[in-house]
Amino acid sequence: MLAIDDIHALSTAVSGPVALPDSPEFTAETAAFNAATVHRPDVVLGAANAHDVAAGVKWAAARGLPVAVQSTGHGADSVVEGGLLINTRRLQDLQIDPVERTARVGAGVKWRSVLEASVPLGLVGLHGSSTDVGVVGYTLGGGLPVMGRAHGFAADHVRSMEVVTADGALRRINAGAEAELFALMRGGKGNFGIVTELEFSLFPLGDFYGGGIIYPGADAALILAAFRKWLPTLPDDASPSISLLRLPEMEFVPAPLRGQFVVHLRFAFLGTREDGDSLLAPMRAVSRPLMDTAGPMSYLDVDQIHMDPADPLPFTAGGALLKDLGEETAADLLKLTGEGSDCPLLLVEIRPLGGALARSALSQSGELPDAVSGRDAAFLLFLLGFKMPPVAEAVTASIRAVLAGMAPHATGYTLVNFHGEPGDETDRARAWSPAVYERMRAAKSSYDPGNLLRFGHTITGVPSAT
C-alpha cells in the first residue's frame, strides 16, 4: 500500500501527471488500444519527458515496485497488476533529416505522424499494417513492415536510441556505445529498459502500388493454391499477405462485406501501375473477386491495404512461424479455420517472410546481430478474435486449437509482436532463438537484476551463483 508521502515524492520529482485508481484521469492514462486489457497499476505516471521516465523508474526501484510502460497500448496482450505504469504518449518529439534519411522520434509518436512528415520529402519508414501503432513499441518487437521483403525488419535499421534502464540511468546507445544492449533492445521488447527516443533509417519512395482483392470464402482452397504458386514469381519489392476473414456486422467493415466469410489478398509494391498490374494479374484471374482496390495510391493511404480497425476493440491473438505453405499445410489450416469449420476467429492471416527479412542488415556490416527471430521461417501465421461475450471463451480455445493443429508445420517459435498473451517462461522463450534467449537472460541479469521490468513479454535473468 502506497503512503501519501510516497505519492507526494513521485509527484514532486516529475513534470507530468500522477494518477491513482480513484483519480478522474486514471482511466484515460491506463487505457489500451486492446479494450480487453484493463490495466490496474497502483499508480500511473504520464511522463512529460525522458527525465520523468528516469525519475519514475528510480522512485519505483527505491520502493521495490515493478514498472510497466505503455504508449498506444496496441501491444497490450496482458494486464498490468500493481506497480507503476509509465505512459509515454506525451513524448512527441519528431525530427526528419532528409539528407541523412533518418527520423528521430519520441516514445509517444505514431507511424502516421512519421509518414505525414516524411512522405512529402520522398521518404518512408518501415511501418506495419497500421500507421496508428506507436513507432517505439512496434520496433522494439522487431517490427514486421508492409514492405519487409524489400527492406527487412524495422529493428534492423535503428541507428540509436535513448533508454532508461532499471537503475534509472538515461543512456544513449548505438552500435558503438553499449553494443550488446543496443543489439538486444532491437527485438528484445521491453526487457532491459524504457526507450524514450529512437533514431532510425528512412527509405526513398518512388511509385507505389497497393490495395487488396477480396474473394468469396468458399474459394479459399483455390485461392491459397494460386497464392502458393504465385508467390515465388514476385520480386522482393512486392510484399503480399493473405487472410481468412469472418467479418462482423460492425462499422469498420465495408457495408457490402459485413457478416461474410471472405479471403483477403493484400498487395504492396514499390513500382508503377503497369508493373503492379502485371504482377497481380495471375491472382486477379482467380475466382470472382468481390472487391478489388489495388492500383497506384498515395503512400499516405497505405492503411487501406490491410484495413485494420482504427478504433479500440477487445481482442486476443496468437501466432506461429511456419516452415512452408505446401498442400498439406494449407489443407490442415483450412480444415481448422475454413468454410464449414466452427472457427470463431475474426482473422486468420498468413504473411510471407523471406527476402530482406531473412537477412540482418546490421550483422552483415560487422555489428552485433539483433534479437529479431523468424529469419529462417517462410511464413507468419497470425490469429485474432474478439475477446468479448459471448465468443470470448470460444475464441481463446480456437486460437489454442489452431496453433496445436498447425504445430507439425511450424518452427516452434514466434515473433514477439505476434505472440499473443505471454504465458510462462517456457512460452515466452518461444519468441527468440535459444542462442538469442541466452544472450537476453545474461543481459537481463546485468541491466535488470531485480526484475523491475516484469510485465508483458519479459523474461528472467540467469540465476546468480550461491
Protein backbone atom coordinates (compact mmCIF):
# COMPACT_ATOMS: atom_id res chain seq x y z
CA MET A 1 0.00 0.00 0.00
CA LEU A 2 1.48 3.31 -1.07
CA ALA A 3 1.54 6.07 1.51
CA ILE A 4 0.64 9.70 0.83
CA ASP A 5 4.31 10.58 1.26
CA ASP A 6 5.25 8.11 -1.47
CA ILE A 7 2.85 9.68 -3.95
CA HIS A 8 3.99 13.16 -2.98
CA ALA A 9 7.62 12.14 -3.60
CA LEU A 10 6.77 10.95 -7.12
CA SER A 11 4.61 13.98 -7.92
CA THR A 12 7.32 16.43 -6.90
CA ALA A 13 10.01 14.55 -8.87
CA VAL A 14 8.21 14.71 -12.24
CA SER A 15 6.53 17.24 -14.54
CA GLY A 16 3.75 15.01 -15.84
CA PRO A 17 0.56 13.98 -14.04
CA VAL A 18 0.46 11.25 -11.40
CA ALA A 19 -2.85 9.40 -11.03
CA LEU A 20 -4.19 6.87 -8.51
CA PRO A 21 -7.03 4.41 -9.20
CA ASP A 22 -9.58 6.82 -7.72
CA SER A 23 -8.31 9.79 -9.77
CA PRO A 24 -10.57 11.02 -12.61
CA GLU A 25 -7.70 10.81 -15.13
CA PHE A 26 -6.66 7.26 -14.19
CA THR A 27 -8.79 5.52 -16.84
CA ALA A 28 -7.52 7.69 -19.69
CA GLU A 29 -3.89 7.27 -18.59
CA THR A 30 -4.12 3.46 -18.39
CA ALA A 31 -6.40 2.78 -21.39
CA ALA A 32 -5.03 0.43 -24.06
CA PHE A 33 -6.00 0.10 -27.73
CA ASN A 34 -6.82 -3.50 -26.89
CA ALA A 35 -10.01 -2.81 -24.97
CA ALA A 36 -9.96 -6.32 -23.48
CA THR A 37 -6.89 -5.35 -21.44
CA VAL A 38 -7.77 -3.19 -18.44
CA HIS A 39 -4.64 -2.25 -16.51
CA ARG A 40 -4.78 -1.96 -12.72
CA PRO A 41 -1.48 -0.45 -11.54
CA ASP A 42 -1.10 1.06 -8.09
CA VAL A 43 -0.20 4.37 -9.72
CA VAL A 44 0.28 5.73 -13.24
CA LEU A 45 2.71 8.41 -14.37
CA GLY A 46 2.00 10.41 -17.51
CA ALA A 47 5.63 11.12 -18.40
CA ALA A 48 6.18 14.54 -19.96
CA ASN A 49 9.80 13.88 -20.94
CA ALA A 50 12.71 11.46 -20.55
CA HIS A 51 13.55 12.95 -17.14
CA ASP A 52 10.10 11.92 -15.89
CA VAL A 53 10.68 8.35 -17.06
CA ALA A 54 14.02 8.17 -15.27
CA ALA A 55 12.59 9.72 -12.10
CA GLY A 56 9.64 7.31 -12.16
CA VAL A 57 11.91 4.28 -12.51
CA LYS A 58 14.16 5.45 -9.65
CA TRP A 59 11.11 6.09 -7.47
CA ALA A 60 9.70 2.62 -8.12
CA ALA A 61 13.04 0.86 -7.64
CA ALA A 62 13.50 2.52 -4.25
CA ARG A 63 10.16 1.08 -3.14
CA GLY A 64 10.50 -2.36 -4.72
CA LEU A 65 7.63 -1.72 -7.13
CA PRO A 66 7.56 -3.29 -10.61
CA VAL A 67 7.38 -0.97 -13.61
CA ALA A 68 5.41 -1.22 -16.85
CA VAL A 69 5.33 1.10 -19.84
CA GLN A 70 2.68 1.90 -22.43
CA SER A 71 2.17 4.42 -25.21
CA THR A 72 -0.67 3.47 -27.56
CA GLY A 73 -1.49 0.09 -25.99
CA HIS A 74 -1.67 -1.78 -29.31
CA GLY A 75 0.59 -4.44 -27.84
CA ALA A 76 -1.28 -4.76 -24.55
CA ASP A 77 -1.55 -8.55 -24.54
CA SER A 78 -1.64 -8.88 -20.75
CA VAL A 79 -2.86 -6.88 -17.77
CA VAL A 80 -0.60 -4.75 -15.59
CA GLU A 81 -1.49 -5.59 -11.97
CA GLY A 82 0.01 -3.33 -9.32
CA GLY A 83 3.22 -1.36 -9.50
CA LEU A 84 3.89 1.75 -11.57
CA LEU A 85 2.66 2.19 -15.14
CA ILE A 86 4.53 4.86 -17.11
CA ASN A 87 2.54 6.29 -20.00
CA THR A 88 4.88 7.72 -22.66
CA ARG A 89 2.30 9.08 -25.13
CA ARG A 90 3.28 12.70 -24.41
CA LEU A 91 6.81 12.19 -25.77
CA GLN A 92 6.01 13.60 -29.21
CA ASP A 93 9.34 14.95 -30.48
CA LEU A 94 9.72 14.22 -34.20
CA GLN A 95 12.66 15.23 -36.42
CA ILE A 96 13.30 14.22 -40.03
CA ASP A 97 16.76 14.58 -41.57
CA PRO A 98 16.19 14.37 -45.35
CA VAL A 99 19.93 14.42 -46.09
CA GLU A 100 20.88 11.56 -43.78
CA ARG A 101 17.49 9.90 -44.42
CA THR A 102 16.76 9.41 -40.76
CA ALA A 103 13.95 10.07 -38.31
CA ARG A 104 14.24 10.69 -34.59
CA VAL A 105 11.05 10.20 -32.59
CA GLY A 106 9.88 10.30 -29.01
CA ALA A 107 8.30 7.26 -27.43
CA GLY A 108 4.74 8.52 -27.99
CA VAL A 109 4.99 9.11 -31.75
CA LYS A 110 2.82 7.02 -34.05
CA TRP A 111 3.79 5.92 -37.54
CA ARG A 112 1.07 8.13 -39.02
CA SER A 113 2.93 11.23 -37.77
CA VAL A 114 6.22 9.98 -39.23
CA LEU A 115 4.64 9.43 -42.66
CA GLU A 116 2.95 12.82 -42.67
CA ALA A 117 6.36 14.41 -42.11
CA SER A 118 8.47 12.14 -44.35
CA VAL A 119 6.31 11.29 -47.39
CA PRO A 120 6.32 14.90 -48.71
CA LEU A 121 10.12 14.59 -48.65
CA GLY A 122 10.01 11.36 -50.67
CA LEU A 123 10.93 9.16 -47.69
CA VAL A 124 9.20 6.41 -45.70
CA GLY A 125 9.87 4.37 -42.59
CA LEU A 126 9.31 0.66 -42.11
CA HIS A 127 5.86 0.65 -40.50
CA GLY A 128 3.46 -2.27 -40.21
CA SER A 129 -0.11 -2.89 -41.32
CA SER A 130 -1.49 0.07 -39.33
CA THR A 131 0.10 3.51 -39.05
CA ASP A 132 -1.89 4.14 -35.85
CA VAL A 133 0.67 1.99 -34.00
CA GLY A 134 3.43 3.58 -31.93
CA VAL A 135 6.88 3.54 -33.53
CA VAL A 136 8.85 2.50 -30.45
CA GLY A 137 6.88 -0.49 -29.17
CA TYR A 138 6.47 -1.84 -32.69
CA THR A 139 10.19 -1.53 -33.45
CA LEU A 140 11.39 -3.00 -30.14
CA GLY A 141 9.39 -6.12 -31.02
CA GLY A 142 11.22 -6.37 -34.33
CA GLY A 143 8.66 -4.56 -36.45
CA LEU A 144 7.31 -6.56 -39.42
CA PRO A 145 6.85 -3.92 -42.15
CA VAL A 146 4.41 -3.78 -45.03
CA MET A 147 7.50 -3.59 -47.26
CA GLY A 148 9.52 -6.02 -45.19
CA ARG A 149 10.55 -8.28 -48.06
CA ALA A 150 12.20 -5.27 -49.69
CA HIS A 151 13.93 -3.75 -46.65
CA GLY A 152 13.84 -6.18 -43.72
CA PHE A 153 12.60 -5.77 -40.16
CA ALA A 154 12.28 -2.27 -38.73
CA ALA A 155 14.65 -3.20 -35.89
CA ASP A 156 17.42 -3.86 -38.42
CA HIS A 157 17.54 -0.19 -39.33
CA VAL A 158 17.63 1.52 -35.91
CA ARG A 159 20.58 3.91 -35.67
CA SER A 160 20.48 4.78 -31.97
CA MET A 161 18.15 5.04 -29.01
CA GLU A 162 17.77 6.77 -25.68
CA VAL A 163 16.79 4.31 -22.96
CA VAL A 164 16.18 4.40 -19.22
CA THR A 165 17.45 1.20 -17.64
CA ALA A 166 16.19 -0.33 -14.39
CA ASP A 167 18.72 1.65 -12.34
CA GLY A 168 17.09 4.89 -13.54
CA ALA A 169 20.04 5.85 -15.75
CA LEU A 170 19.27 7.58 -19.05
CA ARG A 171 21.60 6.14 -21.69
CA ARG A 172 22.23 6.99 -25.33
CA ILE A 173 23.18 3.71 -27.01
CA ASN A 174 24.13 2.63 -30.51
CA ALA A 175 26.32 0.05 -32.26
CA GLY A 176 29.43 1.65 -30.74
CA ALA A 177 28.11 2.50 -27.28
CA GLU A 178 26.86 -0.42 -25.17
CA ALA A 179 26.66 -2.51 -28.32
CA GLU A 180 25.18 -5.66 -26.74
CA LEU A 181 22.38 -3.74 -25.02
CA PHE A 182 21.69 -1.88 -28.27
CA ALA A 183 21.55 -5.16 -30.21
CA LEU A 184 19.22 -6.91 -27.78
CA MET A 185 16.86 -3.95 -27.38
CA ARG A 186 16.14 -4.36 -31.11
CA GLY A 187 13.75 -7.30 -30.99
CA GLY A 188 14.02 -7.93 -27.26
CA LYS A 189 10.90 -5.89 -26.49
CA GLY A 190 10.89 -4.20 -23.06
CA ASN A 191 13.23 -6.47 -21.14
CA PHE A 192 16.11 -4.12 -20.43
CA GLY A 193 14.77 -0.60 -20.26
CA ILE A 194 12.22 2.00 -21.34
CA VAL A 195 13.01 3.70 -24.63
CA THR A 196 12.30 7.43 -24.65
CA GLU A 197 13.70 8.23 -28.11
CA LEU A 198 14.50 6.24 -31.25
CA GLU A 199 16.53 7.13 -34.34
CA PHE A 200 16.12 5.01 -37.47
CA SER A 201 16.70 4.98 -41.22
CA LEU A 202 14.19 6.14 -43.81
CA PHE A 203 13.98 4.86 -47.38
CA PRO A 204 13.43 6.60 -50.74
CA LEU A 205 9.87 6.50 -52.03
CA GLY A 206 9.04 6.40 -55.73
CA ASP A 207 5.94 4.97 -57.39
CA PHE A 208 3.75 2.96 -55.04
CA TYR A 209 1.07 0.43 -55.93
CA GLY A 210 -1.13 -1.14 -53.29
CA GLY A 211 -4.53 -2.36 -52.23
CA GLY A 212 -6.32 -5.64 -51.99
CA ILE A 213 -8.59 -8.21 -53.59
CA ILE A 214 -11.42 -9.79 -51.64
CA TYR A 215 -12.75 -13.18 -52.75
CA PRO A 216 -15.63 -15.38 -51.59
CA GLY A 217 -14.59 -17.57 -48.67
CA ALA A 218 -15.96 -20.63 -50.45
CA ASP A 219 -13.00 -20.39 -52.86
CA ALA A 220 -10.36 -20.34 -50.10
CA ALA A 221 -8.68 -23.60 -51.18
CA LEU A 222 -8.43 -22.45 -54.79
CA ILE A 223 -7.04 -19.06 -53.77
CA LEU A 224 -4.45 -20.47 -51.37
CA ALA A 225 -3.24 -22.87 -54.06
CA ALA A 226 -2.90 -20.00 -56.53
CA PHE A 227 -1.18 -17.83 -53.91
CA ARG A 228 1.36 -20.59 -53.23
CA LYS A 229 2.31 -20.83 -56.90
CA TRP A 230 2.27 -17.06 -57.45
CA LEU A 231 4.49 -16.05 -54.54
CA PRO A 232 7.83 -17.34 -55.95
CA THR A 233 7.29 -15.24 -59.10
CA LEU A 234 7.33 -11.96 -57.17
CA PRO A 235 10.33 -9.68 -56.68
CA ASP A 236 11.29 -8.63 -53.16
CA ASP A 237 9.85 -5.19 -53.93
CA ALA A 238 6.40 -6.84 -53.80
CA SER A 239 5.01 -7.75 -50.38
CA PRO A 240 1.72 -9.68 -50.32
CA SER A 241 -0.21 -11.32 -47.50
CA ILE A 242 -3.46 -13.23 -47.35
CA SER A 243 -6.11 -13.76 -44.69
CA LEU A 244 -9.36 -15.53 -43.99
CA LEU A 245 -11.84 -13.05 -42.52
CA ARG A 246 -15.11 -13.66 -40.72
CA LEU A 247 -16.37 -10.13 -40.91
CA PRO A 248 -18.73 -8.87 -38.21
CA GLU A 249 -21.68 -6.54 -38.60
CA MET A 250 -19.63 -3.55 -37.46
CA GLU A 251 -18.99 -0.07 -38.86
CA PHE A 252 -15.30 -0.60 -39.61
CA VAL A 253 -16.27 -3.27 -42.17
CA PRO A 254 -17.33 -2.05 -45.66
CA ALA A 255 -21.12 -2.41 -45.84
CA PRO A 256 -21.24 -4.96 -48.71
CA LEU A 257 -18.94 -7.32 -46.80
CA ARG A 258 -20.48 -7.27 -43.34
CA GLY A 259 -21.36 -10.67 -41.96
CA GLN A 260 -19.48 -12.57 -44.68
CA PHE A 261 -16.64 -15.10 -44.71
CA VAL A 262 -14.08 -13.91 -47.27
CA VAL A 263 -10.47 -14.25 -48.37
CA HIS A 264 -8.48 -11.01 -48.44
CA LEU A 265 -5.31 -10.72 -50.54
CA ARG A 266 -3.19 -7.69 -49.59
CA PHE A 267 -0.59 -6.34 -52.00
CA ALA A 268 2.07 -3.64 -51.70
CA PHE A 269 4.59 -2.94 -54.44
CA LEU A 270 7.29 -0.34 -54.96
CA GLY A 271 6.67 0.22 -58.65
CA THR A 272 4.47 1.51 -61.44
CA ARG A 273 0.86 0.78 -62.37
CA GLU A 274 1.99 -1.23 -65.40
CA ASP A 275 4.32 -3.45 -63.39
CA GLY A 276 1.89 -3.75 -60.49
CA ASP A 277 -0.96 -4.80 -62.76
CA SER A 278 1.32 -7.32 -64.46
CA LEU A 279 2.42 -8.86 -61.17
CA LEU A 280 -1.11 -9.03 -59.80
CA ALA A 281 -2.73 -10.39 -62.99
CA PRO A 282 -2.49 -14.10 -62.03
CA MET A 283 -4.37 -13.51 -58.78
CA ARG A 284 -6.97 -11.31 -60.46
CA ALA A 285 -7.78 -14.28 -62.68
CA VAL A 286 -8.57 -16.48 -59.69
CA SER A 287 -12.18 -16.87 -58.56
CA ARG A 288 -14.61 -13.91 -58.84
CA PRO A 289 -13.37 -11.05 -56.69
CA LEU A 290 -16.00 -9.33 -54.57
CA MET A 291 -13.81 -6.22 -54.35
CA ASP A 292 -10.58 -5.06 -55.99
CA THR A 293 -8.91 -1.90 -54.67
CA ALA A 294 -5.36 -2.49 -55.93
CA GLY A 295 -3.69 0.21 -58.00
CA PRO A 296 -1.44 3.28 -57.74
CA MET A 297 -2.01 5.04 -54.43
CA SER A 298 -0.66 7.85 -52.32
CA TYR A 299 1.56 6.35 -49.68
CA LEU A 300 -0.40 8.31 -47.09
CA ASP A 301 -3.31 5.96 -47.87
CA VAL A 302 -1.26 2.86 -47.08
CA ASP A 303 -3.63 1.82 -44.25
CA GLN A 304 -6.18 0.92 -46.92
CA ILE A 305 -4.13 -2.15 -47.84
CA HIS A 306 -4.78 -4.11 -44.63
CA MET A 307 -7.81 -2.12 -43.47
CA ASP A 308 -7.04 -2.69 -39.79
CA PRO A 309 -9.65 -1.25 -37.38
CA ALA A 310 -8.92 2.35 -36.42
CA ASP A 311 -10.77 2.32 -33.10
CA PRO A 312 -10.06 0.31 -29.93
CA LEU A 313 -11.62 -3.15 -29.81
CA PRO A 314 -11.44 -6.05 -27.33
CA PHE A 315 -9.33 -8.80 -28.88
CA THR A 316 -6.96 -11.66 -28.19
CA ALA A 317 -4.38 -13.10 -30.54
CA GLY A 318 -1.76 -15.76 -31.14
CA GLY A 319 0.87 -16.55 -33.72
CA ALA A 320 3.34 -19.09 -35.05
CA LEU A 321 6.11 -19.22 -37.63
CA LEU A 322 5.54 -21.72 -40.42
CA LYS A 323 8.09 -23.74 -42.35
CA ASP A 324 6.04 -23.78 -45.54
CA LEU A 325 2.63 -23.31 -47.12
CA GLY A 326 2.55 -26.59 -49.01
CA GLU A 327 -0.59 -28.52 -49.92
CA GLU A 328 -0.69 -30.36 -46.59
CA THR A 329 -0.10 -27.17 -44.58
CA ALA A 330 -2.84 -25.29 -46.43
CA ALA A 331 -5.25 -28.23 -46.17
CA ASP A 332 -4.73 -28.51 -42.41
CA LEU A 333 -5.22 -24.77 -41.97
CA LEU A 334 -8.47 -24.78 -43.94
CA LYS A 335 -9.74 -27.81 -42.04
CA LEU A 336 -9.28 -25.85 -38.82
CA THR A 337 -10.35 -22.38 -39.98
CA GLY A 338 -12.01 -22.55 -43.41
CA GLU A 339 -15.59 -22.77 -44.58
CA GLY A 340 -17.53 -25.44 -42.73
CA SER A 341 -15.35 -25.26 -39.62
CA ASP A 342 -16.68 -23.85 -36.38
CA CYS A 343 -13.79 -21.38 -36.19
CA PRO A 344 -14.95 -18.12 -34.49
CA LEU A 345 -11.82 -16.10 -35.31
CA LEU A 346 -12.11 -12.72 -36.98
CA LEU A 347 -8.77 -13.09 -38.78
CA VAL A 348 -6.52 -15.96 -39.85
CA GLU A 349 -3.58 -14.33 -41.59
CA ILE A 350 -0.55 -15.61 -43.49
CA ARG A 351 2.31 -13.20 -44.13
CA PRO A 352 5.20 -14.39 -46.34
CA LEU A 353 8.64 -13.72 -44.94
CA GLY A 354 11.89 -14.19 -46.87
CA GLY A 355 13.67 -11.60 -48.96
CA ALA A 356 15.35 -8.95 -46.82
CA LEU A 357 13.50 -10.30 -43.76
CA ALA A 358 15.82 -13.30 -43.87
CA ARG A 359 18.89 -11.10 -43.58
CA SER A 360 20.17 -8.82 -40.83
CA ALA A 361 21.49 -5.60 -42.34
CA LEU A 362 23.42 -4.71 -39.20
CA SER A 363 25.05 -8.10 -38.63
CA GLN A 364 26.21 -8.09 -42.24
CA SER A 365 28.07 -4.83 -41.59
CA GLY A 366 30.02 -6.37 -38.70
CA GLU A 367 27.81 -5.15 -35.86
CA LEU A 368 26.29 -7.46 -33.28
CA PRO A 369 23.16 -9.28 -34.52
CA ASP A 370 19.88 -8.06 -33.09
CA ALA A 371 17.28 -10.12 -31.23
CA VAL A 372 14.73 -10.46 -34.04
CA SER A 373 13.52 -14.01 -34.61
CA GLY A 374 11.92 -15.61 -37.64
CA ARG A 375 14.62 -15.11 -40.25
CA ASP A 376 14.64 -18.83 -41.03
CA ALA A 377 10.85 -19.11 -41.30
CA ALA A 378 8.83 -18.99 -44.52
CA PHE A 379 5.56 -17.54 -43.21
CA LEU A 380 3.94 -15.95 -40.19
CA LEU A 381 0.57 -17.34 -39.13
CA PHE A 382 -1.38 -14.81 -37.07
CA LEU A 383 -4.76 -15.42 -35.41
CA LEU A 384 -7.05 -12.80 -33.90
CA GLY A 385 -10.54 -12.83 -32.44
CA PHE A 386 -12.85 -10.73 -30.33
CA LYS A 387 -12.46 -11.19 -26.58
CA MET A 388 -15.96 -10.33 -25.52
CA PRO A 389 -19.15 -12.24 -24.67
CA PRO A 390 -20.49 -14.49 -25.94
CA VAL A 391 -17.50 -15.59 -28.04
CA ALA A 392 -14.53 -14.88 -25.74
CA GLU A 393 -14.06 -18.42 -24.44
CA ALA A 394 -14.59 -19.96 -27.88
CA VAL A 395 -12.05 -17.57 -29.42
CA THR A 396 -9.38 -18.37 -26.83
CA ALA A 397 -9.97 -22.11 -27.25
CA SER A 398 -9.88 -21.79 -31.04
CA ILE A 399 -6.52 -20.00 -31.04
CA ARG A 400 -5.04 -22.77 -28.92
CA ALA A 401 -6.58 -25.47 -31.12
CA VAL A 402 -5.36 -23.91 -34.38
CA LEU A 403 -1.83 -23.43 -33.06
CA ALA A 404 -1.78 -27.02 -31.81
CA GLY A 405 -3.14 -28.32 -35.11
CA MET A 406 -0.56 -26.37 -37.11
CA ALA A 407 2.36 -27.33 -34.87
CA PRO A 408 3.67 -30.02 -37.30
CA HIS A 409 4.11 -27.28 -39.91
CA ALA A 410 5.61 -24.70 -37.52
CA THR A 411 9.18 -23.91 -36.48
CA GLY A 412 8.28 -23.90 -32.77
CA TYR A 413 8.94 -20.17 -32.48
CA THR A 414 7.01 -16.91 -32.81
CA LEU A 415 7.56 -13.22 -33.44
CA VAL A 416 7.16 -11.40 -30.13
CA ASN A 417 4.79 -8.77 -31.57
CA PHE A 418 2.54 -11.56 -32.85
CA HIS A 419 2.93 -13.93 -29.92
CA GLY A 420 -0.31 -13.04 -28.17
CA GLU A 421 -0.75 -13.28 -24.40
CA PRO A 422 2.57 -14.24 -22.77
CA GLY A 423 2.42 -17.43 -20.75
CA ASP A 424 5.08 -18.96 -18.52
CA GLU A 425 8.81 -18.65 -19.04
CA THR A 426 8.90 -21.54 -21.50
CA ASP A 427 6.15 -19.99 -23.56
CA ARG A 428 7.81 -16.56 -23.59
CA ALA A 429 11.10 -18.08 -24.70
CA ARG A 430 9.47 -19.12 -28.00
CA ALA A 431 9.77 -15.53 -29.22
CA TRP A 432 13.55 -15.88 -29.63
CA SER A 433 16.06 -18.45 -30.81
CA PRO A 434 17.82 -20.39 -27.99
CA ALA A 435 21.08 -18.52 -28.63
CA VAL A 436 19.43 -15.09 -28.51
CA TYR A 437 17.36 -16.10 -25.49
CA GLU A 438 20.52 -16.94 -23.53
CA ARG A 439 22.09 -13.63 -24.53
CA MET A 440 18.95 -11.89 -23.31
CA ARG A 441 18.99 -13.72 -19.98
CA ALA A 442 22.57 -12.63 -19.39
CA ALA A 443 21.72 -9.04 -20.29
CA LYS A 444 18.64 -9.13 -18.05
CA SER A 445 20.84 -10.18 -15.13
CA SER A 446 23.14 -7.26 -15.83
CA TYR A 447 20.69 -4.46 -16.58
CA ASP A 448 17.66 -5.54 -14.52
CA PRO A 449 18.84 -7.97 -11.82
CA GLY A 450 15.82 -7.21 -9.64
CA ASN A 451 13.37 -7.93 -12.49
CA LEU A 452 11.84 -4.48 -12.11
CA LEU A 453 10.56 -4.63 -15.70
CA ARG A 454 8.48 -7.79 -15.35
CA PHE A 455 5.24 -7.09 -17.22
CA GLY A 456 4.35 -8.19 -20.73
CA HIS A 457 6.79 -10.19 -22.85
CA THR A 458 9.62 -10.17 -20.35
CA ILE A 459 11.99 -12.91 -19.22
CA THR A 460 14.05 -13.57 -16.12
CA GLY A 461 17.81 -13.33 -15.86
CA VAL A 462 20.37 -16.03 -15.21
CA PRO A 463 20.19 -17.15 -11.55
CA SER A 464 23.11 -15.84 -9.54
CA ALA A 465 25.63 -18.33 -8.17
CA THR A 466 25.24 -19.16 -4.48
